[in-house]
Amino acid sequence: MKKTLLFFVLLMTSMAATSLFAQVPPPPPPNHGTSGNQPGGNTPIGGGLFILLGLGATYGGKKLYNMSQDKLNENSNRKQN
């Protein structure tokens, strides 16, 4: 019963996906961009990008450190036995 229900939910979702496209935004006015108003906004992403890269590197380093500590503990336990 669960498989049948899941099949119908996925079928209805895939059929409805084609009719749920968003509308295209209207074109910008003719003088758009001459006063510094650029399309897409002027959001600086450089600072946030470097923060995320730093956090990812820190997380990966911590995982590698923990893995190496686990291997050292495992090897020392084997030598003691």
N, C-alpha and C. Protein backbone atom coordinates (compact mmCIF):
# COMPACT_ATOMS: atom_id res chain seq x y z
N MET A 1 0.83 -1.19 0.00
CA MET A 1 0.00 0.00 0.00
C MET A 1 0.87 1.25 0.00
N LYS A 2 1.96 1.21 0.79
CA LYS A 2 2.83 2.38 0.87
C LYS A 2 3.53 2.64 -0.46
N LYS A 3 3.92 1.56 -1.15
CA LYS A 3 4.59 1.72 -2.44
C LYS A 3 3.65 2.31 -3.47
N THR A 4 2.38 1.89 -3.44
CA THR A 4 1.40 2.41 -4.38
C THR A 4 1.15 3.89 -4.11
N LEU A 5 1.02 4.26 -2.85
CA LEU A 5 0.81 5.65 -2.49
C LEU A 5 2.01 6.50 -2.88
N LEU A 6 3.19 6.00 -2.63
CA LEU A 6 4.40 6.71 -3.01
C LEU A 6 4.48 6.89 -4.52
N PHE A 7 4.12 5.85 -5.26
CA PHE A 7 4.13 5.93 -6.73
C PHE A 7 3.19 7.02 -7.22
N PHE A 8 1.98 7.07 -6.68
CA PHE A 8 1.01 8.07 -7.13
C PHE A 8 1.43 9.48 -6.71
N VAL A 9 2.02 9.63 -5.55
CA VAL A 9 2.49 10.95 -5.13
C VAL A 9 3.60 11.43 -6.05
N LEU A 10 4.54 10.55 -6.37
CA LEU A 10 5.62 10.92 -7.29
C LEU A 10 5.09 11.19 -8.69
N LEU A 11 4.14 10.43 -9.12
CA LEU A 11 3.54 10.63 -10.44
C LEU A 11 2.84 11.98 -10.51
N MET A 12 2.04 12.32 -9.52
CA MET A 12 1.33 13.60 -9.50
C MET A 12 2.31 14.77 -9.39
N THR A 13 3.37 14.59 -8.62
CA THR A 13 4.37 15.64 -8.48
C THR A 13 5.07 15.89 -9.80
N SER A 14 5.43 14.82 -10.49
CA SER A 14 6.13 15.01 -11.76
C SER A 14 5.20 15.58 -12.82
N MET A 15 3.92 15.25 -12.78
CA MET A 15 2.98 15.80 -13.75
C MET A 15 2.69 17.27 -13.46
N ALA A 16 2.66 17.64 -12.20
CA ALA A 16 2.36 19.02 -11.84
C ALA A 16 3.57 19.93 -12.01
N ALA A 17 4.76 19.36 -12.06
CA ALA A 17 5.98 20.17 -12.14
C ALA A 17 6.02 20.99 -13.43
N THR A 18 5.49 20.47 -14.51
CA THR A 18 5.53 21.20 -15.78
C THR A 18 4.61 22.41 -15.76
N SER A 19 3.56 22.38 -14.97
CA SER A 19 2.62 23.50 -14.94
C SER A 19 2.96 24.51 -13.84
N LEU A 20 4.02 24.27 -13.09
CA LEU A 20 4.36 25.16 -11.99
C LEU A 20 5.54 26.08 -12.29
N PHE A 21 5.85 26.28 -13.56
CA PHE A 21 6.94 27.19 -13.91
C PHE A 21 6.57 28.62 -13.54
N ALA A 22 7.55 29.38 -13.09
CA ALA A 22 7.31 30.77 -12.73
C ALA A 22 7.24 31.62 -13.99
N GLN A 23 6.60 32.76 -13.86
CA GLN A 23 6.50 33.68 -14.99
C GLN A 23 7.82 34.40 -15.18
N VAL A 24 8.09 34.78 -16.39
CA VAL A 24 9.30 35.53 -16.71
C VAL A 24 9.11 36.96 -16.21
N PRO A 25 10.13 37.55 -15.56
CA PRO A 25 9.99 38.92 -15.08
C PRO A 25 9.92 39.90 -16.25
N PRO A 26 9.31 41.04 -16.04
CA PRO A 26 9.21 42.02 -17.13
C PRO A 26 10.60 42.57 -17.47
N PRO A 27 10.79 43.04 -18.68
CA PRO A 27 12.10 43.58 -19.06
C PRO A 27 12.40 44.86 -18.27
N PRO A 28 13.68 45.17 -18.05
CA PRO A 28 14.02 46.38 -17.31
C PRO A 28 13.73 47.63 -18.14
N PRO A 29 13.59 48.76 -17.48
CA PRO A 29 13.35 50.01 -18.22
C PRO A 29 14.55 50.34 -19.11
N PRO A 30 14.36 51.19 -20.11
CA PRO A 30 15.43 51.48 -21.06
C PRO A 30 16.69 52.08 -20.43
N ASN A 31 16.59 52.90 -19.41
CA ASN A 31 17.77 53.53 -18.82
C ASN A 31 18.30 52.73 -17.64
N HIS A 32 18.02 51.47 -17.59
CA HIS A 32 18.44 50.61 -16.49
C HIS A 32 19.94 50.41 -16.55
N GLY A 33 20.64 50.66 -15.45
CA GLY A 33 22.07 50.46 -15.39
C GLY A 33 22.87 51.73 -15.54
N THR A 34 22.26 52.81 -15.97
CA THR A 34 23.03 54.05 -16.14
C THR A 34 23.28 54.76 -14.82
N SER A 35 22.44 54.53 -13.82
CA SER A 35 22.62 55.20 -12.53
C SER A 35 23.21 54.26 -11.47
N GLY A 36 23.86 53.20 -11.89
CA GLY A 36 24.46 52.27 -10.94
C GLY A 36 23.52 51.17 -10.51
N ASN A 37 22.31 51.18 -11.01
CA ASN A 37 21.33 50.16 -10.66
C ASN A 37 21.52 48.98 -11.61
N GLN A 38 22.30 48.02 -11.21
CA GLN A 38 22.63 46.88 -12.05
C GLN A 38 21.64 45.75 -11.83
N PRO A 39 21.39 44.95 -12.86
CA PRO A 39 20.49 43.81 -12.66
C PRO A 39 21.09 42.79 -11.70
N GLY A 40 20.27 42.20 -10.89
CA GLY A 40 20.71 41.21 -9.93
C GLY A 40 21.16 41.81 -8.61
N GLY A 41 21.08 43.11 -8.49
CA GLY A 41 21.50 43.75 -7.25
C GLY A 41 23.01 43.86 -7.18
N ASN A 42 23.49 44.54 -6.21
CA ASN A 42 24.92 44.73 -6.04
C ASN A 42 25.37 44.09 -4.74
N THR A 43 25.02 42.84 -4.56
CA THR A 43 25.33 42.15 -3.32
C THR A 43 26.76 41.64 -3.34
N PRO A 44 27.58 42.06 -2.38
CA PRO A 44 28.94 41.52 -2.33
C PRO A 44 28.93 40.13 -1.72
N ILE A 45 29.47 39.16 -2.44
CA ILE A 45 29.48 37.79 -1.92
C ILE A 45 30.88 37.34 -1.54
N GLY A 46 31.88 38.18 -1.75
CA GLY A 46 33.26 37.78 -1.49
C GLY A 46 33.50 37.45 -0.04
N GLY A 47 33.06 38.29 0.90
CA GLY A 47 33.30 38.05 2.32
C GLY A 47 32.64 36.79 2.82
N GLY A 48 31.41 36.60 2.45
CA GLY A 48 30.69 35.40 2.88
C GLY A 48 31.26 34.14 2.27
N LEU A 49 31.75 34.26 1.05
CA LEU A 49 32.34 33.11 0.38
C LEU A 49 33.60 32.65 1.10
N PHE A 50 34.45 33.60 1.48
CA PHE A 50 35.67 33.24 2.19
C PHE A 50 35.39 32.70 3.58
N ILE A 51 34.35 33.19 4.21
CA ILE A 51 33.97 32.65 5.53
C ILE A 51 33.54 31.20 5.38
N LEU A 52 32.71 30.92 4.38
CA LEU A 52 32.25 29.54 4.17
C LEU A 52 33.40 28.62 3.79
N LEU A 53 34.33 29.10 2.96
CA LEU A 53 35.48 28.28 2.61
C LEU A 53 36.35 28.00 3.83
N GLY A 54 36.53 29.00 4.68
CA GLY A 54 37.31 28.80 5.89
C GLY A 54 36.66 27.81 6.84
N LEU A 55 35.35 27.93 7.01
CA LEU A 55 34.64 27.00 7.88
C LEU A 55 34.69 25.58 7.33
N GLY A 56 34.58 25.43 6.01
CA GLY A 56 34.65 24.11 5.40
C GLY A 56 36.03 23.50 5.57
N ALA A 57 37.08 24.32 5.41
CA ALA A 57 38.44 23.82 5.60
C ALA A 57 38.67 23.42 7.06
N THR A 58 38.15 24.20 7.98
CA THR A 58 38.30 23.88 9.40
C THR A 58 37.58 22.58 9.74
N TYR A 59 36.38 22.42 9.21
CA TYR A 59 35.61 21.19 9.46
C TYR A 59 36.34 19.98 8.88
N GLY A 60 36.84 20.10 7.67
CA GLY A 60 37.58 19.00 7.05
C GLY A 60 38.85 18.67 7.82
N GLY A 61 39.56 19.70 8.29
CA GLY A 61 40.76 19.47 9.08
C GLY A 61 40.47 18.76 10.38
N LYS A 62 39.39 19.13 11.02
CA LYS A 62 38.99 18.48 12.28
C LYS A 62 38.65 17.02 12.04
N LYS A 63 37.94 16.73 10.93
CA LYS A 63 37.60 15.35 10.61
C LYS A 63 38.86 14.53 10.35
N LEU A 64 39.83 15.09 9.62
CA LEU A 64 41.08 14.38 9.35
C LEU A 64 41.85 14.15 10.64
N TYR A 65 41.88 15.14 11.52
CA TYR A 65 42.58 15.00 12.79
C TYR A 65 41.95 13.89 13.63
N ASN A 66 40.62 13.87 13.70
CA ASN A 66 39.94 12.83 14.46
C ASN A 66 40.19 11.44 13.88
N MET A 67 40.24 11.35 12.55
CA MET A 67 40.51 10.05 11.92
C MET A 67 41.92 9.59 12.25
N SER A 68 42.88 10.50 12.22
CA SER A 68 44.26 10.10 12.52
C SER A 68 44.39 9.70 13.99
N GLN A 69 43.69 10.38 14.88
CA GLN A 69 43.73 10.02 16.31
C GLN A 69 43.10 8.65 16.54
N ASP A 70 42.02 8.37 15.83
CA ASP A 70 41.37 7.06 15.96
C ASP A 70 42.31 5.95 15.48
N LYS A 71 43.05 6.19 14.39
CA LYS A 71 43.99 5.18 13.88
C LYS A 71 45.13 4.97 14.87
N LEU A 72 45.63 6.06 15.47
CA LEU A 72 46.70 5.93 16.45
C LEU A 72 46.23 5.14 17.66
N ASN A 73 45.03 5.42 18.15
CA ASN A 73 44.48 4.70 19.30
C ASN A 73 44.27 3.23 18.97
N GLU A 74 43.82 2.96 17.74
CA GLU A 74 43.58 1.59 17.33
C GLU A 74 44.90 0.82 17.25
N ASN A 75 45.94 1.45 16.71
CA ASN A 75 47.24 0.80 16.60
C ASN A 75 47.86 0.57 17.97
N SER A 76 47.71 1.53 18.89
CA SER A 76 48.28 1.35 20.23
C SER A 76 47.55 0.25 20.99
N ASN A 77 46.23 0.11 20.76
CA ASN A 77 45.47 -0.97 21.42
C ASN A 77 45.91 -2.34 20.89
N ARG A 78 46.26 -2.43 19.61
CA ARG A 78 46.70 -3.71 19.04
C ARG A 78 48.06 -4.10 19.61
N LYS A 79 48.94 -3.12 19.79
CA LYS A 79 50.27 -3.42 20.31
C LYS A 79 50.22 -3.87 21.76
N GLN A 80 49.27 -3.36 22.52
CA GLN A 80 49.17 -3.73 23.93
C GLN A 80 48.64 -5.15 24.08
N ASN A 81 47.82 -5.60 23.14
CA ASN A 81 47.23 -6.95 23.25
C ASN A 81 48.20 -7.92 22.73
